[in-house]
Amino acid sequence: MKSYRDLEVYTVSKLLAVRVHKMTMGLPKFELYEEGGQIRRSSKSVTSMIVEGYGRRRYKAEFIRYLIFCQSECDETILHLDFLFETELLKNQETYNELRSEYDSLSKRINKFI
């Protein structure tokens, strides 16, 4: 591994964060900055924690600590997806199912990586 960019969990999390960001731009104005902002931050934090942990990889405990934070952010993103769908702000069930499934899969990959 020459870079964090070589990590599969990084690549997947970044692609998902971009998808979530684009999806939230279609939310109603009143939720764009509330729930929309929360899910954008948590989805991007998944990727950020991987990068930050990788920067501390010389210290195994630190690297693992950041990967655990990463998994927590992934779970938080799933929660925000559920909120958006259950409050009918995310009306496209196909988009919800795809993102939910991909974040569940990412959470498992992160756990396996730890």
Protein backbone atom coordinates (compact mmCIF):
# COMPACT_ATOMS: atom_id res chain seq x y z
CA MET A 1 0.00 0.00 0.00
CA LYS A 2 1.50 3.26 -1.11
CA SER A 3 -1.45 5.43 -0.19
CA TYR A 4 -4.83 5.43 1.48
CA ARG A 5 -6.19 5.71 -2.07
CA ASP A 6 -5.21 2.06 -2.54
CA LEU A 7 -7.66 0.95 0.17
CA GLU A 8 -10.95 -0.48 -1.06
CA VAL A 9 -12.81 0.96 1.94
CA TYR A 10 -11.53 4.43 1.02
CA THR A 11 -12.61 4.14 -2.62
CA VAL A 12 -16.08 2.84 -1.78
CA SER A 13 -16.67 5.35 1.02
CA LYS A 14 -15.67 8.28 -1.17
CA LEU A 15 -17.96 7.21 -4.02
CA LEU A 16 -20.85 6.78 -1.57
CA ALA A 17 -20.20 10.18 0.02
CA VAL A 18 -20.41 11.84 -3.38
CA ARG A 19 -23.67 9.99 -4.14
CA VAL A 20 -25.15 11.02 -0.80
CA HIS A 21 -24.10 14.64 -1.38
CA LYS A 22 -25.80 14.71 -4.78
CA MET A 23 -28.90 12.98 -3.41
CA THR A 24 -29.31 15.59 -0.66
CA MET A 25 -29.30 18.44 -3.16
CA GLY A 26 -32.79 17.29 -4.16
CA LEU A 27 -34.21 17.56 -0.64
CA PRO A 28 -36.76 20.23 0.20
CA LYS A 29 -35.21 23.57 1.17
CA PHE A 30 -36.17 23.24 4.85
CA GLU A 31 -34.27 19.93 5.15
CA LEU A 32 -31.33 20.81 2.92
CA TYR A 33 -29.42 22.24 5.87
CA GLU A 34 -30.88 20.15 8.69
CA GLU A 35 -30.99 16.41 7.99
CA GLY A 36 -29.29 16.97 4.64
CA GLY A 37 -26.32 18.62 6.31
CA GLN A 38 -26.10 15.88 8.92
CA ILE A 39 -25.99 13.06 6.39
CA ARG A 40 -23.48 14.92 4.20
CA ARG A 41 -21.15 15.41 7.16
CA SER A 42 -21.42 11.83 8.43
CA SER A 43 -20.94 10.31 4.97
CA LYS A 44 -17.86 12.44 4.32
CA SER A 45 -16.54 11.68 7.81
CA VAL A 46 -16.40 7.97 6.94
CA THR A 47 -13.82 8.77 4.28
CA SER A 48 -12.06 11.38 6.40
CA MET A 49 -11.55 8.94 9.27
CA ILE A 50 -9.96 6.41 6.92
CA VAL A 51 -7.53 9.04 5.64
CA GLU A 52 -6.73 10.36 9.10
CA GLY A 53 -6.23 6.86 10.50
CA TYR A 54 -4.02 5.91 7.59
CA GLY A 55 -1.84 8.90 8.39
CA ARG A 56 -1.33 7.39 11.85
CA ARG A 57 -0.83 3.81 10.66
CA ARG A 58 2.61 3.59 12.27
CA TYR A 59 0.74 3.42 15.55
CA LYS A 60 -1.53 0.40 15.18
CA ALA A 61 -3.79 1.36 18.08
CA GLU A 62 -4.33 4.83 16.60
CA PHE A 63 -5.09 3.43 13.17
CA ILE A 64 -7.65 1.02 14.65
CA ARG A 65 -9.12 3.83 16.77
CA TYR A 66 -9.81 5.91 13.66
CA LEU A 67 -11.24 2.93 11.82
CA ILE A 68 -13.65 2.44 14.71
CA PHE A 69 -14.64 6.12 14.41
CA CYS A 70 -15.06 5.47 10.69
CA GLN A 71 -17.45 2.59 11.33
CA SER A 72 -19.42 4.75 13.77
CA GLU A 73 -19.80 7.45 11.12
CA CYS A 74 -20.94 4.79 8.65
CA ASP A 75 -23.62 3.65 11.09
CA GLU A 76 -24.65 7.27 11.67
CA THR A 77 -25.04 7.73 7.91
CA ILE A 78 -27.33 4.70 7.81
CA LEU A 79 -29.42 6.24 10.59
CA HIS A 80 -29.79 9.51 8.65
CA LEU A 81 -30.77 7.59 5.52
CA ASP A 82 -33.45 5.82 7.55
CA PHE A 83 -34.71 9.16 8.93
CA LEU A 84 -34.92 10.68 5.46
CA PHE A 85 -36.78 7.69 4.07
CA GLU A 86 -39.15 7.22 7.01
CA THR A 87 -40.10 10.91 7.03
CA GLU A 88 -40.76 10.62 3.29
CA LEU A 89 -38.20 13.27 2.41
CA LEU A 90 -36.26 10.69 0.40
CA LYS A 91 -39.12 9.52 -1.76
CA ASN A 92 -37.20 7.27 -4.13
CA GLN A 93 -37.26 3.82 -2.52
CA GLU A 94 -34.77 2.45 -5.05
CA THR A 95 -32.20 5.11 -4.11
CA TYR A 96 -32.79 4.43 -0.41
CA ASN A 97 -32.45 0.65 -0.84
CA GLU A 98 -29.25 0.98 -2.88
CA LEU A 99 -27.57 3.42 -0.49
CA ARG A 100 -28.71 1.50 2.58
CA SER A 101 -27.40 -1.77 1.16
CA GLU A 102 -24.09 -0.23 0.10
CA TYR A 103 -23.53 1.40 3.50
CA ASP A 104 -24.37 -1.90 5.25
CA SER A 105 -21.80 -3.58 3.03
CA LEU A 106 -19.25 -0.83 3.70
CA SER A 107 -19.75 -1.19 7.45
CA LYS A 108 -18.98 -4.90 7.15
CA ARG A 109 -15.88 -4.19 5.04
CA ILE A 110 -14.61 -1.70 7.59
CA ASN A 111 -15.18 -4.21 10.39
CA LYS A 112 -13.31 -6.87 8.44
CA PHE A 113 -10.51 -4.39 7.70
CA ILE A 114 -10.15 -3.61 11.42
